[in-house]
Amino acid sequence: MDKTSAPAPDAWEELVTSALLGTARRTPAGVEAGPEAPRALLDAAAVETVRRRAGLRPARAAQRPQPAPQDPRPALPAAAARRLSMLLADRPGTGGGRRGTAPDLMELLPQWLATANARGYAAPPQLLPALLDAARGRTDLRPAALAFAGSRATWLARLNPDWRFALRATPGGGTALPSAQDTEGVRLLWEEGLFAERVALLAAIRARQPAAARELLMTTWATERAEDRLMFLDSLRTGLGPDDEAFLEQALADRSRNVRATAAELLSALPGSALAARMAVRAGACVALDHTRDTPTILVEAPHECDSGMERDGVVAKAPSGRGERSWWFGQLVEAAPLEVWSGRLGGRTPEEIVALPVADDWRDELHAAWCRAAVRQRDAEWSRALLGTPAAPEAGGPGAVSLAERAKLLTTLGSAERAEWVAGFIATHGLSEAFQLLGVCGVPWAAPLGRAVVDALNIARDAGSYPWSFSGVMGLAERCLDPAEAGRLEGLMAVPDETENTSPGAGGYWAEAFQRLVTTLRLRAAMAEELEVA
């Protein structure tokens, strides 16, 4: 039989029909009726199956992919390449129990990638598949991993569906964007490109020419889908300025509630905007200073309704479950009002003096929480300091912040050195049990005062015989964030401490193991940095 010829189209259908009806009622051609007919039918079906498979025509060969693009960046030093291979080969342990003294290599990979990207090295081609596999499993790795992999990541992603995230994460899916001077190319891509390409184009132009990006968006704004308008509007956060106000004011009348809310949020971040002025009037009408008491006291009269003007300006009328409507509306008004209005409203006082004022009728927490959100949104360091208070304050919640999460957000408005110094003071007063969230917003490596405060607090907990498991989160942060130069100070803590009657059974061995792992990790981080310094 000629294997390239097409099989008879009716043979298989005949066999299937006979099998369905039964050989007692029907037998296909070449099969004799009788007791052996079922067996003969199955044999014929087997022969036909082989014939059908053998008779397939060869498919046309697929076009060979284009060669991967060249990476012009300098090659990674050999020692650093070997280190990267080790980091990518490490897999988190699946079992419980003690971790031992070996460093957690996968937790060091983000730091390694950040340093390699800062040095401008190219990824070794042979390690790209392992790097993409690691980024596939950990979304936090993707930005740094894709930056390190470069354009070859998108080339590989087009050949392996497991790595499609690289196409989604790369602006335009790796498509080259036209320059801002190429007005015709910009127009064509904006009007005819894929959504991801358009988002990437708008973001790229916004980063260089904010006004040009806004004008480009306005050309098609009225015809965009609501979900697309939301994404495009979000790109205006970059380079946000007074020139954007007129466009954002128009967006307050958008059909989409989410678009209106985003426009209102952006406008409230512009203290000089008309929306900020309207919110200042509304919020100011709710807050007054009572001078008739022994101590001047803030009085709050929350709004009794959420009118259409408030809704247009981004106030959400429906309160969350368990939350009173009036307090919900009041909090949104204060959050959106420029913080600078409160000094004039409350007797010319400074933020620190305002935060120290008593608030009547249990409105203090609601008012201070709204001020916290406003300070974070408006990036106001002076108000943040006032709401944070001194790190040695008796209450860990502070004078204005009502939770550690809010204090962590306030800290992000301060400079790196000031932030580290504040957290160090907090740890010296309150210990480590409440400091985990605060440590997470500090710069890496930790500044010397903060590193000393963490090590001292861990040493105190060790000497007290506490179980180290309650400090495992902080210890893990220390492995990644403590300055490697601190390794020498920690050597004395690697021995098993003497146990007293108040010591938890076995705690000393666990502490020694934890400090050994910390020192080993710090030394490994120092070696990694040296390997990446080699020219």
Protein backbone atom coordinates (compact mmCIF):
# COMPACT_ATOMS: atom_id res chain seq x y z
CA MET A 1 0.00 0.00 0.00
CA ASP A 2 1.19 3.49 -0.81
CA LYS A 3 1.55 5.11 2.62
CA THR A 4 1.16 8.59 1.24
CA SER A 5 -2.27 7.85 -0.22
CA ALA A 6 -5.39 8.86 1.67
CA PRO A 7 -7.35 5.98 3.26
CA ALA A 8 -10.79 5.08 1.94
CA PRO A 9 -13.20 7.42 3.71
CA ASP A 10 -16.01 4.81 4.16
CA ALA A 11 -14.06 1.89 5.62
CA TRP A 12 -13.81 3.17 9.18
CA GLU A 13 -17.40 4.42 9.26
CA GLU A 14 -18.57 0.97 8.12
CA LEU A 15 -16.66 -0.73 10.94
CA VAL A 16 -18.06 1.72 13.54
CA THR A 17 -21.63 1.22 12.30
CA SER A 18 -21.29 -2.58 12.46
CA ALA A 19 -19.90 -2.37 16.00
CA LEU A 20 -22.80 -0.20 17.11
CA LEU A 21 -25.49 -2.35 15.53
CA GLY A 22 -23.84 -5.67 16.37
CA THR A 23 -22.50 -8.29 13.99
CA ALA A 24 -25.72 -10.28 14.31
CA ARG A 25 -27.51 -7.51 12.43
CA ARG A 26 -24.75 -6.21 10.20
CA THR A 27 -21.27 -7.26 9.12
CA PRO A 28 -18.86 -5.05 7.17
CA ALA A 29 -17.32 -6.07 3.87
CA GLY A 30 -14.71 -8.80 4.29
CA VAL A 31 -16.18 -10.17 7.54
CA GLU A 32 -18.25 -13.36 7.36
CA ALA A 33 -21.39 -13.63 9.48
CA GLY A 34 -21.31 -16.18 12.25
CA PRO A 35 -19.93 -16.71 15.77
CA GLU A 36 -16.44 -15.51 14.76
CA ALA A 37 -17.77 -12.22 13.35
CA PRO A 38 -17.14 -10.12 16.49
CA ARG A 39 -13.50 -11.23 16.63
CA ALA A 40 -13.08 -10.62 12.92
CA LEU A 41 -14.62 -7.15 13.31
CA LEU A 42 -12.10 -6.22 16.01
CA ASP A 43 -9.23 -7.54 13.89
CA ALA A 44 -10.43 -5.50 10.93
CA ALA A 45 -10.69 -2.41 13.14
CA ALA A 46 -7.10 -2.92 14.34
CA VAL A 47 -5.86 -3.26 10.77
CA GLU A 48 -7.77 -0.17 9.70
CA THR A 49 -6.36 1.82 12.65
CA VAL A 50 -2.79 0.96 11.64
CA ARG A 51 -3.57 1.76 8.03
CA ARG A 52 -5.05 5.17 8.93
CA ARG A 53 -2.04 6.12 11.02
CA ALA A 54 0.47 4.95 8.44
CA GLY A 55 -1.35 6.70 5.66
CA LEU A 56 -1.13 10.24 7.06
CA ARG A 57 0.47 12.69 4.71
CA PRO A 58 3.56 14.43 6.12
CA ALA A 59 2.72 17.88 7.51
CA ARG A 60 4.40 20.95 6.17
CA ALA A 61 7.47 21.79 8.24
CA ALA A 62 7.02 24.80 10.53
CA GLN A 63 9.05 27.90 9.82
CA ARG A 64 12.24 27.99 11.83
CA PRO A 65 12.27 30.70 14.50
CA GLN A 66 14.40 33.75 13.99
CA PRO A 67 17.67 33.75 15.97
CA ALA A 68 17.50 35.20 19.47
CA PRO A 69 18.47 38.87 19.66
CA GLN A 70 21.96 39.76 20.78
CA ASP A 71 22.42 41.10 24.31
CA PRO A 72 24.94 43.96 24.20
CA ARG A 73 25.45 44.09 27.97
CA PRO A 74 28.73 42.79 29.47
CA ALA A 75 28.92 39.12 30.35
CA LEU A 76 28.47 38.05 33.94
CA PRO A 77 31.75 37.25 35.75
CA ALA A 78 32.41 33.49 35.87
CA ALA A 79 32.17 33.26 39.68
CA ALA A 80 28.88 35.17 39.67
CA ALA A 81 27.51 32.88 36.94
CA ARG A 82 28.34 29.84 39.06
CA ARG A 83 26.65 31.48 42.04
CA LEU A 84 23.51 32.17 40.02
CA SER A 85 23.40 28.53 38.96
CA MET A 86 23.51 27.51 42.62
CA LEU A 87 20.77 29.96 43.58
CA LEU A 88 18.47 28.73 40.80
CA ALA A 89 19.11 25.08 41.67
CA ASP A 90 17.98 25.59 45.28
CA ARG A 91 14.42 24.61 46.08
CA PRO A 92 12.54 25.45 49.27
CA GLY A 93 12.35 22.53 51.69
CA THR A 94 9.07 20.72 51.85
CA GLY A 95 9.46 19.31 55.33
CA GLY A 96 8.90 20.97 58.67
CA GLY A 97 11.12 21.14 61.70
CA ARG A 98 14.48 22.80 62.11
CA ARG A 99 15.98 24.61 59.15
CA GLY A 100 19.57 23.90 60.06
CA THR A 101 22.43 26.32 59.49
CA ALA A 102 22.38 26.38 55.67
CA PRO A 103 21.27 29.68 54.06
CA ASP A 104 17.99 29.81 52.16
CA LEU A 105 19.43 30.47 48.72
CA MET A 106 16.13 31.16 46.96
CA GLU A 107 15.47 34.01 49.40
CA LEU A 108 18.77 35.59 48.34
CA LEU A 109 17.93 35.46 44.63
CA PRO A 110 15.95 38.77 44.56
CA GLN A 111 18.90 40.59 46.15
CA TRP A 112 21.36 38.96 43.75
CA LEU A 113 19.24 39.98 40.76
CA ALA A 114 18.92 43.57 42.00
CA THR A 115 22.71 43.86 42.31
CA ALA A 116 23.34 42.24 38.91
CA ASN A 117 20.85 44.60 37.27
CA ALA A 118 22.46 47.59 38.96
CA ARG A 119 25.81 46.49 37.52
CA GLY A 120 24.29 46.13 34.04
CA TYR A 121 25.27 42.50 33.41
CA ALA A 122 23.70 40.21 30.81
CA ALA A 123 22.20 36.89 31.87
CA PRO A 124 24.10 33.73 30.81
CA PRO A 125 22.06 32.18 27.97
CA GLN A 126 22.28 28.65 29.42
CA LEU A 127 20.65 29.82 32.67
CA LEU A 128 17.71 31.63 31.09
CA PRO A 129 15.32 28.61 31.20
CA ALA A 130 15.98 28.07 34.92
CA LEU A 131 15.61 31.80 35.58
CA LEU A 132 12.26 31.91 33.79
CA ASP A 133 11.09 28.81 35.66
CA ALA A 134 11.96 30.50 38.95
CA ALA A 135 10.10 33.67 37.94
CA ARG A 136 7.11 31.61 36.84
CA GLY A 137 6.75 30.24 40.38
CA ARG A 138 7.39 33.54 42.18
CA THR A 139 5.67 36.67 40.91
CA ASP A 140 7.83 38.86 43.17
CA LEU A 141 10.88 37.78 41.15
CA ARG A 142 9.46 38.66 37.75
CA PRO A 143 10.37 42.35 37.35
CA ALA A 144 14.03 41.82 38.31
CA ALA A 145 14.32 38.45 36.54
CA LEU A 146 12.91 39.79 33.26
CA ALA A 147 15.11 42.89 33.44
CA PHE A 148 18.15 40.63 33.88
CA ALA A 149 17.06 38.22 31.14
CA GLY A 150 16.54 41.08 28.69
CA SER A 151 14.98 40.70 25.24
CA ARG A 152 15.86 37.00 25.10
CA ALA A 153 13.20 36.34 27.75
CA THR A 154 10.42 37.36 25.36
CA TRP A 155 12.08 35.38 22.54
CA LEU A 156 11.97 32.24 24.69
CA ALA A 157 8.47 33.00 25.96
CA ARG A 158 7.11 32.84 22.42
CA LEU A 159 8.43 29.26 22.17
CA ASN A 160 7.23 27.94 25.54
CA PRO A 161 3.69 28.59 26.83
CA ASP A 162 4.89 28.09 30.42
CA TRP A 163 6.73 31.40 30.14
CA ARG A 164 3.93 33.48 28.66
CA PHE A 165 4.00 35.70 31.75
CA ALA A 166 7.13 37.26 30.24
CA LEU A 167 5.08 38.48 27.27
CA ARG A 168 2.41 39.91 29.55
CA ALA A 169 4.93 41.56 31.86
CA THR A 170 7.09 43.06 29.12
CA PRO A 171 5.76 46.37 27.76
CA GLY A 172 4.18 45.63 24.42
CA GLY A 173 5.12 41.96 24.68
CA GLY A 174 8.64 42.78 23.55
CA THR A 175 7.48 44.88 20.61
CA ALA A 176 9.77 47.81 19.86
CA LEU A 177 7.99 51.08 20.61
CA PRO A 178 8.28 54.06 18.25
CA SER A 179 10.17 57.09 19.49
CA ALA A 180 8.24 60.15 20.61
CA GLN A 181 9.53 61.97 17.53
CA ASP A 182 7.96 59.38 15.23
CA THR A 183 4.51 60.96 15.36
CA GLU A 184 3.05 58.77 12.62
CA GLY A 185 4.38 55.58 14.24
CA VAL A 186 2.97 56.67 17.60
CA ARG A 187 -0.42 57.43 16.07
CA LEU A 188 -0.62 54.09 14.25
CA LEU A 189 0.38 52.03 17.30
CA TRP A 190 -2.01 53.96 19.55
CA GLU A 191 -4.95 53.54 17.18
CA GLU A 192 -4.26 50.01 15.89
CA GLY A 193 -1.99 48.31 18.43
CA LEU A 194 -2.85 45.61 20.93
CA PHE A 195 -3.95 46.76 24.38
CA ALA A 196 -0.63 45.82 26.02
CA GLU A 197 1.26 47.72 23.32
CA ARG A 198 -0.91 50.79 23.84
CA VAL A 199 -0.42 50.71 27.62
CA ALA A 200 3.33 50.40 27.12
CA LEU A 201 3.35 53.25 24.59
CA LEU A 202 1.39 55.56 26.88
CA ALA A 203 3.62 54.75 29.87
CA ALA A 204 6.80 55.32 27.86
CA ILE A 205 5.65 58.71 26.55
CA ARG A 206 4.30 59.71 29.98
CA ALA A 207 7.69 59.06 31.57
CA ARG A 208 9.39 61.50 29.16
CA GLN A 209 6.67 63.91 28.07
CA PRO A 210 3.67 63.95 30.45
CA ALA A 211 1.69 66.48 28.43
CA ALA A 212 2.15 64.57 25.17
CA ALA A 213 0.91 61.36 26.81
CA ARG A 214 -2.18 63.08 28.18
CA GLU A 215 -2.97 64.61 24.80
CA LEU A 216 -2.55 61.22 23.12
CA LEU A 217 -4.99 59.65 25.58
CA MET A 218 -7.52 62.41 25.00
CA THR A 219 -7.66 61.66 21.25
CA THR A 220 -9.43 58.33 21.84
CA TRP A 221 -10.77 58.70 25.39
CA ALA A 222 -14.44 58.89 24.41
CA THR A 223 -14.31 55.63 22.44
CA GLU A 224 -12.32 53.50 24.90
CA ARG A 225 -13.87 50.69 26.95
CA ALA A 226 -14.39 51.41 30.66
CA GLU A 227 -11.78 48.88 31.80
CA ASP A 228 -9.28 50.30 29.31
CA ARG A 229 -9.99 53.88 30.41
CA LEU A 230 -9.21 52.82 33.98
CA MET A 231 -5.83 51.35 33.02
CA PHE A 232 -4.92 54.35 30.87
CA LEU A 233 -5.96 56.79 33.59
CA ASP A 234 -3.78 54.99 36.10
CA SER A 235 -0.75 55.74 33.95
CA LEU A 236 -1.15 59.44 34.77
CA ARG A 237 0.20 58.79 38.28
CA THR A 238 3.63 59.14 36.70
CA GLY A 239 4.45 62.81 36.42
CA LEU A 240 1.09 63.88 37.90
CA GLY A 241 0.85 67.66 37.98
CA PRO A 242 -1.50 70.67 37.83
CA ASP A 243 -1.68 70.48 34.03
CA ASP A 244 -3.59 67.20 34.36
CA GLU A 245 -6.38 68.75 36.42
CA ALA A 246 -8.71 69.77 33.58
CA PHE A 247 -8.68 66.28 32.06
CA LEU A 248 -9.17 64.61 35.44
CA GLU A 249 -12.09 66.93 36.24
CA GLN A 250 -13.77 65.72 33.05
CA ALA A 251 -13.14 62.12 34.11
CA LEU A 252 -15.14 62.77 37.31
CA ALA A 253 -18.25 62.59 35.09
CA ASP A 254 -17.25 59.26 33.55
CA ARG A 255 -19.84 56.49 33.22
CA SER A 256 -17.62 54.06 35.14
CA ARG A 257 -17.57 54.32 38.94
CA ASN A 258 -14.02 52.98 39.07
CA VAL A 259 -12.81 55.59 36.59
CA ARG A 260 -14.50 58.35 38.63
CA ALA A 261 -12.92 57.06 41.85
CA THR A 262 -9.43 56.95 40.30
CA ALA A 263 -9.81 60.45 38.86
CA ALA A 264 -10.89 61.73 42.30
CA GLU A 265 -7.93 60.02 43.97
CA LEU A 266 -5.49 61.61 41.53
CA LEU A 267 -7.05 65.04 41.95
CA SER A 268 -6.91 64.81 45.73
CA ALA A 269 -3.16 64.22 45.41
CA LEU A 270 -2.95 67.71 43.84
CA PRO A 271 -3.38 70.05 46.84
CA GLY A 272 -4.07 73.01 44.57
CA SER A 273 -6.85 71.34 42.56
CA ALA A 274 -10.46 72.48 42.57
CA LEU A 275 -11.50 69.07 43.93
CA ALA A 276 -9.08 69.44 46.84
CA ALA A 277 -10.57 72.86 47.56
CA ARG A 278 -14.10 71.46 47.52
CA MET A 279 -13.08 68.65 49.85
CA ALA A 280 -11.36 71.17 52.14
CA VAL A 281 -14.60 73.11 52.47
CA ARG A 282 -16.61 69.95 53.18
CA ALA A 283 -14.12 68.54 55.67
CA GLY A 284 -13.64 71.91 57.36
CA ALA A 285 -17.37 72.21 57.92
CA CYS A 286 -17.24 68.97 59.90
CA VAL A 287 -14.43 69.98 62.27
CA ALA A 288 -14.31 72.86 64.76
CA LEU A 289 -12.30 73.84 67.82
CA ASP A 290 -14.16 74.23 71.13
CA HIS A 291 -12.47 76.95 73.24
CA THR A 292 -15.05 76.80 76.06
CA ARG A 293 -13.40 73.79 77.72
CA ASP A 294 -10.38 73.85 80.00
CA THR A 295 -8.34 72.45 77.10
CA PRO A 296 -9.16 73.39 73.50
CA THR A 297 -10.92 70.34 72.04
CA ILE A 298 -11.71 69.28 68.50
CA LEU A 299 -15.41 68.78 67.80
CA VAL A 300 -16.62 66.63 64.92
CA GLU A 301 -19.99 66.86 63.21
CA ALA A 302 -20.00 64.22 60.47
CA PRO A 303 -22.09 64.82 57.33
CA HIS A 304 -25.71 63.70 57.51
CA GLU A 305 -25.96 62.76 53.85
CA CYS A 306 -23.80 61.98 50.83
CA ASP A 307 -25.09 64.32 48.14
CA SER A 308 -24.52 64.04 44.40
CA GLY A 309 -21.65 66.52 44.50
CA MET A 310 -19.80 64.40 47.05
CA GLU A 311 -20.35 61.27 44.97
CA ARG A 312 -19.09 63.03 41.85
CA ASP A 313 -15.95 63.95 43.73
CA GLY A 314 -15.24 60.34 44.60
CA VAL A 315 -17.01 59.82 47.94
CA VAL A 316 -18.41 56.28 48.05
CA ALA A 317 -21.94 56.48 49.43
CA LYS A 318 -22.40 52.87 50.54
CA ALA A 319 -20.51 52.12 53.73
CA PRO A 320 -18.83 48.74 54.28
CA SER A 321 -20.62 46.21 56.42
CA GLY A 322 -20.36 47.09 60.11
CA ARG A 323 -19.34 50.70 59.45
CA GLY A 324 -21.55 53.70 60.18
CA GLU A 325 -22.44 55.79 57.15
CA ARG A 326 -21.61 59.17 58.69
CA SER A 327 -18.18 58.12 59.92
CA TRP A 328 -17.51 56.50 56.53
CA TRP A 329 -18.34 59.72 54.65
CA PHE A 330 -16.42 61.85 57.15
CA GLY A 331 -13.27 59.76 56.82
CA GLN A 332 -13.31 60.07 53.02
CA LEU A 333 -13.71 63.87 53.19
CA VAL A 334 -10.80 64.32 55.59
CA GLU A 335 -8.59 61.94 53.62
CA ALA A 336 -9.15 63.90 50.40
CA ALA A 337 -8.75 67.38 51.92
CA PRO A 338 -5.31 69.08 51.68
CA LEU A 339 -3.56 68.76 55.02
CA GLU A 340 -2.46 72.37 54.87
CA VAL A 341 -6.03 73.56 55.57
CA TRP A 342 -6.04 72.24 59.14
CA SER A 343 -3.53 74.71 60.51
CA GLY A 344 -5.78 77.62 59.52
CA ARG A 345 -8.89 75.80 60.66
CA LEU A 346 -7.44 74.94 64.08
CA GLY A 347 -5.86 78.17 65.25
CA GLY A 348 -2.59 78.20 63.32
CA ARG A 349 -1.25 75.17 65.14
CA THR A 350 1.47 72.91 63.75
CA PRO A 351 0.65 69.32 62.78
CA GLU A 352 2.26 68.08 66.00
CA GLU A 353 0.12 70.45 68.08
CA ILE A 354 -3.02 69.51 66.14
CA VAL A 355 -2.49 65.78 66.65
CA ALA A 356 -2.00 66.37 70.39
CA LEU A 357 -5.41 68.07 70.76
CA PRO A 358 -8.15 66.02 72.45
CA VAL A 359 -11.09 65.02 70.25
CA ALA A 360 -14.58 64.89 71.69
CA ASP A 361 -17.16 62.10 71.50
CA ASP A 362 -14.84 59.24 70.53
CA TRP A 363 -14.05 60.69 67.09
CA ARG A 364 -10.28 60.67 67.70
CA ASP A 365 -9.47 57.35 66.04
CA GLU A 366 -11.59 58.10 62.96
CA LEU A 367 -10.11 61.57 62.52
CA HIS A 368 -6.50 60.48 63.06
CA ALA A 369 -6.87 57.46 60.78
CA ALA A 370 -8.12 59.77 58.00
CA TRP A 371 -5.20 62.11 58.59
CA CYS A 372 -2.85 59.13 58.30
CA ARG A 373 -4.28 58.19 54.93
CA ALA A 374 -4.07 61.80 53.77
CA ALA A 375 -0.42 62.08 54.85
CA VAL A 376 0.46 58.94 52.89
CA ARG A 377 -1.49 60.02 49.80
CA GLN A 378 -0.02 63.54 49.83
CA ARG A 379 3.47 62.31 50.85
CA ASP A 380 3.55 64.86 53.68
CA ALA A 381 6.55 64.07 55.90
CA GLU A 382 5.72 66.73 58.53
CA TRP A 383 2.27 65.32 59.16
CA SER A 384 3.66 61.80 59.12
CA ARG A 385 6.13 62.68 61.88
CA ALA A 386 3.36 64.20 63.96
CA LEU A 387 1.10 61.16 63.56
CA LEU A 388 3.93 58.73 64.22
CA GLY A 389 5.05 60.50 67.37
CA THR A 390 8.28 59.56 69.06
CA PRO A 391 9.33 55.91 68.75
CA ALA A 392 9.73 55.77 72.53
CA ALA A 393 6.06 56.66 73.15
CA PRO A 394 4.51 54.34 75.78
CA GLU A 395 1.83 53.12 73.36
CA ALA A 396 3.07 51.22 70.33
CA GLY A 397 0.10 52.62 68.37
CA GLY A 398 1.43 56.17 68.56
CA PRO A 399 -0.44 59.44 69.01
CA GLY A 400 -2.16 59.43 65.63
CA ALA A 401 -1.80 56.05 63.95
CA VAL A 402 -4.31 53.46 65.11
CA SER A 403 -2.39 50.42 63.88
CA LEU A 404 1.15 49.29 63.11
CA ALA A 405 0.14 48.90 59.46
CA GLU A 406 -0.68 52.62 59.32
CA ARG A 407 2.61 53.48 61.00
CA ALA A 408 4.44 51.44 58.37
CA LYS A 409 2.72 53.42 55.61
CA LEU A 410 3.55 56.72 57.30
CA LEU A 411 7.19 55.71 57.52
CA THR A 412 7.37 55.39 53.73
CA THR A 413 6.97 59.18 53.44
CA LEU A 414 10.22 59.75 55.37
CA GLY A 415 13.77 59.52 54.06
CA SER A 416 15.58 56.20 54.35
CA ALA A 417 17.94 57.30 57.14
CA GLU A 418 15.18 58.91 59.21
CA ARG A 419 12.97 55.86 58.73
CA ALA A 420 15.70 53.50 59.95
CA GLU A 421 16.48 55.69 62.95
CA TRP A 422 12.80 55.82 63.96
CA VAL A 423 12.35 52.04 63.71
CA ALA A 424 15.57 51.49 65.69
CA GLY A 425 14.16 53.65 68.48
CA PHE A 426 10.87 51.75 68.35
CA ILE A 427 12.66 48.41 68.71
CA ALA A 428 14.75 49.71 71.61
CA THR A 429 11.53 50.60 73.46
CA HIS A 430 9.03 47.95 72.38
CA GLY A 431 11.21 45.04 71.26
CA LEU A 432 10.81 42.99 68.13
CA SER A 433 7.40 41.43 68.66
CA GLU A 434 5.59 44.40 67.04
CA ALA A 435 8.35 45.55 64.70
CA PHE A 436 8.06 43.10 61.79
CA GLN A 437 5.81 45.33 59.62
CA LEU A 438 7.97 48.36 60.34
CA LEU A 439 11.19 46.57 59.38
CA GLY A 440 9.64 45.62 56.05
CA VAL A 441 9.58 49.26 54.86
CA CYS A 442 13.23 49.99 55.75
CA GLY A 443 15.92 50.22 53.10
CA VAL A 444 18.33 47.33 52.44
CA PRO A 445 20.90 46.89 53.79
CA TRP A 446 19.69 48.22 57.12
CA ALA A 447 21.46 51.30 58.37
CA ALA A 448 23.93 50.73 61.22
CA PRO A 449 21.65 52.02 64.06
CA LEU A 450 18.80 49.80 62.92
CA GLY A 451 21.02 46.75 62.48
CA ARG A 452 22.44 47.20 65.98
CA ALA A 453 18.96 47.59 67.45
CA VAL A 454 17.77 44.34 65.81
CA VAL A 455 20.85 42.37 66.91
CA ASP A 456 20.61 43.72 70.46
CA ALA A 457 16.91 42.80 70.67
CA LEU A 458 17.60 39.29 69.37
CA ASN A 459 20.39 38.91 71.92
CA ILE A 460 18.07 39.99 74.73
CA ALA A 461 15.46 37.45 73.63
CA ARG A 462 18.14 34.76 73.44
CA ASP A 463 19.45 35.52 76.93
CA ALA A 464 15.89 35.50 78.29
CA GLY A 465 15.51 31.91 77.11
CA SER A 466 12.54 32.69 74.84
CA TYR A 467 11.64 30.30 72.06
CA PRO A 468 13.21 31.57 68.81
CA TRP A 469 10.24 30.54 66.67
CA SER A 470 8.35 33.70 67.60
CA PHE A 471 11.26 35.68 66.12
CA SER A 472 11.67 33.59 62.97
CA GLY A 473 10.16 36.29 60.75
CA VAL A 474 12.56 38.95 62.03
CA MET A 475 15.48 36.51 61.82
CA GLY A 476 14.60 35.82 58.19
CA LEU A 477 14.53 39.55 57.46
CA ALA A 478 17.88 39.96 59.19
CA GLU A 479 19.41 37.29 56.94
CA ARG A 480 18.38 39.31 53.88
CA CYS A 481 18.63 42.88 55.18
CA LEU A 482 21.34 43.12 57.85
CA ASP A 483 24.58 44.65 56.61
CA PRO A 484 27.03 41.77 55.95
CA ALA A 485 29.66 43.78 57.83
CA GLU A 486 27.77 42.90 61.04
CA ALA A 487 28.77 39.22 60.76
CA GLY A 488 31.79 39.73 63.01
CA ARG A 489 29.65 41.11 65.85
CA LEU A 490 27.45 38.03 65.74
CA GLU A 491 30.13 35.38 66.11
CA GLY A 492 29.84 35.41 69.90
CA LEU A 493 26.14 34.49 69.64
CA MET A 494 26.73 31.29 67.67
CA ALA A 495 27.52 29.18 70.74
CA VAL A 496 24.79 27.38 72.68
CA PRO A 497 23.95 29.59 75.70
CA ASP A 498 23.80 28.24 79.23
CA GLU A 499 20.29 27.21 80.20
CA THR A 500 18.70 28.53 83.39
CA GLU A 501 15.59 27.41 85.18
CA ASN A 502 13.57 29.99 83.24
CA THR A 503 14.90 28.89 79.86
CA SER A 504 12.49 27.09 77.53
CA PRO A 505 13.70 23.50 77.00
CA GLY A 506 15.95 23.22 73.96
CA ALA A 507 15.73 26.93 73.15
CA GLY A 508 19.48 27.45 73.44
CA GLY A 509 20.25 24.98 70.67
CA TYR A 510 17.72 26.56 68.37
CA TRP A 511 19.11 30.06 69.02
CA ALA A 512 22.67 28.89 68.30
CA GLU A 513 21.50 27.29 65.08
CA ALA A 514 19.60 30.43 64.06
CA PHE A 515 22.61 32.70 64.67
CA GLN A 516 24.93 30.30 62.84
CA ARG A 517 22.61 30.43 59.85
CA LEU A 518 22.46 34.24 60.09
CA VAL A 519 26.25 34.58 60.11
CA THR A 520 26.64 32.07 57.27
CA THR A 521 24.06 33.95 55.19
CA LEU A 522 25.70 37.32 55.82
CA ARG A 523 29.07 35.98 54.72
CA LEU A 524 27.48 34.46 51.64
CA ARG A 525 25.88 37.81 50.76
CA ALA A 526 29.28 39.48 51.12
CA ALA A 527 30.83 36.90 48.77
CA MET A 528 27.99 37.40 46.28
CA ALA A 529 28.59 41.14 46.24
CA GLU A 530 32.31 40.67 45.68
CA GLU A 531 31.70 38.26 42.79
CA LEU A 532 29.49 40.81 41.07
CA GLU A 533 32.09 43.55 41.52
CA VAL A 534 34.67 41.68 39.45
CA ALA A 535 35.13 43.32 36.06
